[in-house]
């Protein structure tokens, strides 16, 4: 698949972050490219997004797909270097000014990325964020508290989970909540 950046705001941009089982990162890149190839509105890019441009160490999980930029009891010694680009600079450089849905699963980089995207956050309607520690969970909630409200969540472990935040102005009042939950199949 030919690698090129699409400078259209209506086109999804896929980075190389996310669940990949126990595949080494380089094999995951190949698999992601193959899976995305038939989808015309997805471009696989050879980097992740972060609050700045740098290279970080990604530690692989010991027994599962848990990976993180920080070592923990769930990560092993095996690691690899990953290239990260500045998220707001990337969005601005590609003319992406408005995002309806944003999903962050960046293996421990979620809070710094959210902070760097502060000018974009008020426009985001739905935000899915994974967290990797209790500290991250609290920081994410603090970053989003003015613009979003926690709508749904799934806590996997005390220090891991994923939350869904909605833009505050989109949250129905109490009388509309029950109807909204019936219409939206979240489970």
Protein backbone atom coordinates (compact mmCIF):
# COMPACT_ATOMS: atom_id res chain seq x y z
CA UNK A 1 0.00 0.00 0.00
CA UNK A 2 1.41 3.35 -0.99
CA UNK A 3 1.93 5.59 2.05
CA UNK A 4 0.67 9.12 1.68
CA UNK A 5 -0.91 11.65 3.97
CA UNK A 6 -4.39 12.73 3.12
CA UNK A 7 -4.98 16.41 3.75
CA UNK A 8 -8.77 16.09 3.78
CA UNK A 9 -10.65 16.65 7.07
CA UNK A 10 -13.33 14.15 6.02
CA UNK A 11 -10.87 11.25 5.91
CA UNK A 12 -10.06 9.13 8.94
CA UNK A 13 -6.39 9.00 9.88
CA UNK A 14 -5.23 5.77 11.54
CA UNK A 15 -2.05 5.77 13.57
CA UNK A 16 -0.21 2.67 14.65
CA UNK A 17 -1.49 2.55 18.20
CA UNK A 18 -4.03 0.14 19.62
CA UNK A 19 -4.68 -3.48 20.44
CA UNK A 20 -2.42 -5.82 18.54
CA UNK A 21 -2.15 -8.92 20.69
CA UNK A 22 1.41 -10.02 21.26
CA UNK A 23 2.61 -8.98 17.81
CA UNK A 24 5.85 -7.02 17.75
CA UNK A 25 5.19 -3.46 16.66
CA UNK A 26 6.71 -3.90 13.18
CA UNK A 27 4.51 -6.94 12.45
CA UNK A 28 1.50 -4.99 13.72
CA UNK A 29 2.24 -2.18 11.26
CA UNK A 30 2.18 -4.68 8.41
CA UNK A 31 -1.07 -6.26 9.62
CA UNK A 32 -2.73 -2.87 10.10
CA UNK A 33 -1.75 -1.78 6.59
CA UNK A 34 -3.20 -5.00 5.15
CA UNK A 35 -6.46 -4.61 7.10
CA UNK A 36 -6.86 -0.95 6.15
CA UNK A 37 -5.96 -1.33 2.48
CA UNK A 38 -9.52 -2.03 1.22
CA UNK A 39 -10.87 0.96 3.17
CA UNK A 40 -10.49 4.04 1.03
CA UNK A 41 -10.94 6.58 3.81
CA UNK A 42 -8.18 5.27 6.12
CA UNK A 43 -4.49 6.02 5.82
CA UNK A 44 -2.03 4.14 8.00
CA UNK A 45 0.73 6.40 9.21
CA UNK A 46 4.11 5.17 10.50
CA UNK A 47 3.95 7.02 13.82
CA UNK A 48 1.79 7.72 16.86
CA UNK A 49 0.54 11.06 18.15
CA UNK A 50 1.77 12.69 21.35
CA UNK A 51 2.07 16.10 22.97
CA UNK A 52 5.37 16.73 21.19
CA UNK A 53 7.72 15.17 18.68
CA UNK A 54 9.95 12.51 20.17
CA UNK A 55 10.86 8.86 20.34
CA UNK A 56 9.71 6.86 23.36
CA UNK A 57 10.19 3.33 24.58
CA UNK A 58 7.10 1.11 24.35
CA UNK A 59 7.28 -1.82 26.78
CA UNK A 60 5.52 -4.99 25.67
CA UNK A 61 3.16 -6.93 27.91
CA UNK A 62 4.38 -10.04 29.73
CA UNK A 63 1.39 -12.29 29.14
CA UNK A 64 -1.10 -10.23 27.20
CA UNK A 65 -1.44 -7.26 24.88
CA UNK A 66 -0.90 -4.68 27.62
CA UNK A 67 1.76 -2.25 26.53
CA UNK A 68 2.84 1.01 28.00
CA UNK A 69 5.40 3.76 27.82
CA UNK A 70 6.04 3.03 31.51
CA UNK A 71 7.27 -0.25 32.94
CA UNK A 72 4.94 -1.97 35.38
CA UNK A 73 4.29 -5.41 36.84
CA UNK A 74 2.29 -6.22 33.68
CA UNK A 75 5.02 -5.25 31.19
CA UNK A 76 8.17 -7.17 30.46
CA UNK A 77 11.67 -6.09 29.58
CA UNK A 78 11.09 -6.36 25.86
CA UNK A 79 10.60 -2.97 24.32
CA UNK A 80 10.95 -1.03 21.13
CA UNK A 81 11.34 2.58 20.15
CA UNK A 82 8.29 4.30 18.66
CA UNK A 83 8.20 7.59 16.78
CA UNK A 84 5.68 10.14 18.02
CA UNK A 85 4.50 13.33 16.34
CA UNK A 86 2.97 16.40 17.97
CA UNK A 87 -0.83 15.88 17.84
CA UNK A 88 -1.94 19.53 17.49
CA UNK A 89 0.78 20.24 14.94
CA UNK A 90 -0.29 17.18 12.92
CA UNK A 91 -3.97 18.20 12.97
CA UNK A 92 -3.21 21.80 12.03
CA UNK A 93 -0.86 20.71 9.27
CA UNK A 94 -3.58 18.58 7.72
CA UNK A 95 -6.41 21.08 8.04
CA UNK A 96 -8.28 19.08 10.65
CA UNK A 97 -10.13 21.69 12.72
CA UNK A 98 -13.17 19.77 13.85
CA UNK A 99 -13.49 16.23 15.19
CA UNK A 100 -16.83 14.69 16.12
CA UNK A 101 -15.41 11.53 17.71
CA UNK A 102 -11.94 11.16 19.18
CA UNK A 103 -10.58 7.89 20.57
CA UNK A 104 -7.35 7.87 22.53
CA UNK A 105 -5.71 4.55 23.33
CA UNK A 106 -2.09 5.56 23.38
CA UNK A 107 -0.60 3.26 26.02
CA UNK A 108 -0.13 5.81 28.79
CA UNK A 109 0.18 9.01 26.73
CA UNK A 110 -3.50 9.99 26.92
CA UNK A 111 -3.24 12.84 29.48
CA UNK A 112 -0.33 14.66 27.76
CA UNK A 113 -2.08 14.35 24.39
CA UNK A 114 -5.35 15.73 25.79
CA UNK A 115 -3.52 18.68 27.34
CA UNK A 116 -1.86 19.45 24.03
CA UNK A 117 -5.22 19.32 22.23
CA UNK A 118 -6.93 21.84 24.54
CA UNK A 119 -7.89 24.14 21.65
CA UNK A 120 -9.60 21.22 19.84
CA UNK A 121 -11.43 19.65 22.81
CA UNK A 122 -14.44 22.02 23.02
CA UNK A 123 -15.53 20.93 19.52
CA UNK A 124 -15.22 17.17 20.14
CA UNK A 125 -18.68 15.67 20.61
CA UNK A 126 -17.72 12.19 21.84
CA UNK A 127 -14.40 11.25 23.38
CA UNK A 128 -13.28 7.72 24.19
CA UNK A 129 -10.23 7.63 26.45
CA UNK A 130 -8.33 4.69 27.85
CA UNK A 131 -6.39 5.17 31.09
CA UNK A 132 -3.45 3.24 32.49
CA UNK A 133 -3.22 4.37 36.11
CA UNK A 134 -5.37 5.94 38.81
CA UNK A 135 -3.32 9.12 38.40
CA UNK A 136 -4.02 9.18 34.64
CA UNK A 137 -7.73 8.61 35.28
CA UNK A 138 -7.90 11.63 37.59
CA UNK A 139 -5.84 13.84 35.25
CA UNK A 140 -8.01 12.96 32.25
CA UNK A 141 -11.18 13.77 34.17
CA UNK A 142 -9.66 17.08 35.34
CA UNK A 143 -8.63 18.03 31.79
CA UNK A 144 -12.12 17.32 30.42
CA UNK A 145 -14.28 18.57 33.30
CA UNK A 146 -15.06 22.00 31.78
CA UNK A 147 -16.03 20.75 28.32
CA UNK A 148 -17.22 17.15 28.75
CA UNK A 149 -19.07 14.92 31.17
CA UNK A 150 -18.34 11.28 31.90
CA UNK A 151 -21.13 9.35 30.19
CA UNK A 152 -20.07 5.70 30.25
CA UNK A 153 -17.11 3.69 31.39
CA UNK A 154 -15.59 0.28 31.68
CA UNK A 155 -13.12 -0.37 34.48
CA UNK A 156 -10.96 -3.40 33.68
CA UNK A 157 -8.71 -3.17 36.71
CA UNK A 158 -8.33 -0.56 39.44
CA UNK A 159 -5.72 1.17 37.30
CA UNK A 160 -7.06 0.41 33.80
CA UNK A 161 -10.19 1.17 31.89
CA UNK A 162 -11.89 3.17 29.19
CA UNK A 163 -14.32 6.06 29.55
CA UNK A 164 -16.69 7.74 27.16
CA UNK A 165 -17.14 11.48 27.63
CA UNK A 166 -19.83 13.55 25.94
CA UNK A 167 -19.67 17.23 25.15
CA UNK A 168 -21.59 18.90 28.00
CA UNK A 169 -24.08 20.68 25.76
CA UNK A 170 -25.09 17.34 24.20
CA UNK A 171 -25.98 15.66 27.49
CA UNK A 172 -29.76 15.37 27.78
CA UNK A 173 -31.53 16.63 30.87
CA UNK A 174 -32.80 14.01 33.32
CA UNK A 175 -36.19 13.61 31.64
CA UNK A 176 -34.48 12.80 28.33
CA UNK A 177 -31.82 10.44 29.72
CA UNK A 178 -33.94 7.28 29.77
CA UNK A 179 -35.08 7.78 26.16
CA UNK A 180 -31.54 8.53 25.06
CA UNK A 181 -30.21 5.31 26.63
CA UNK A 182 -32.90 3.27 24.86
CA UNK A 183 -32.04 4.81 21.50
CA UNK A 184 -28.28 4.38 21.89
CA UNK A 185 -27.15 0.78 22.14
CA UNK A 186 -23.89 1.22 24.09
CA UNK A 187 -23.50 -2.34 25.31
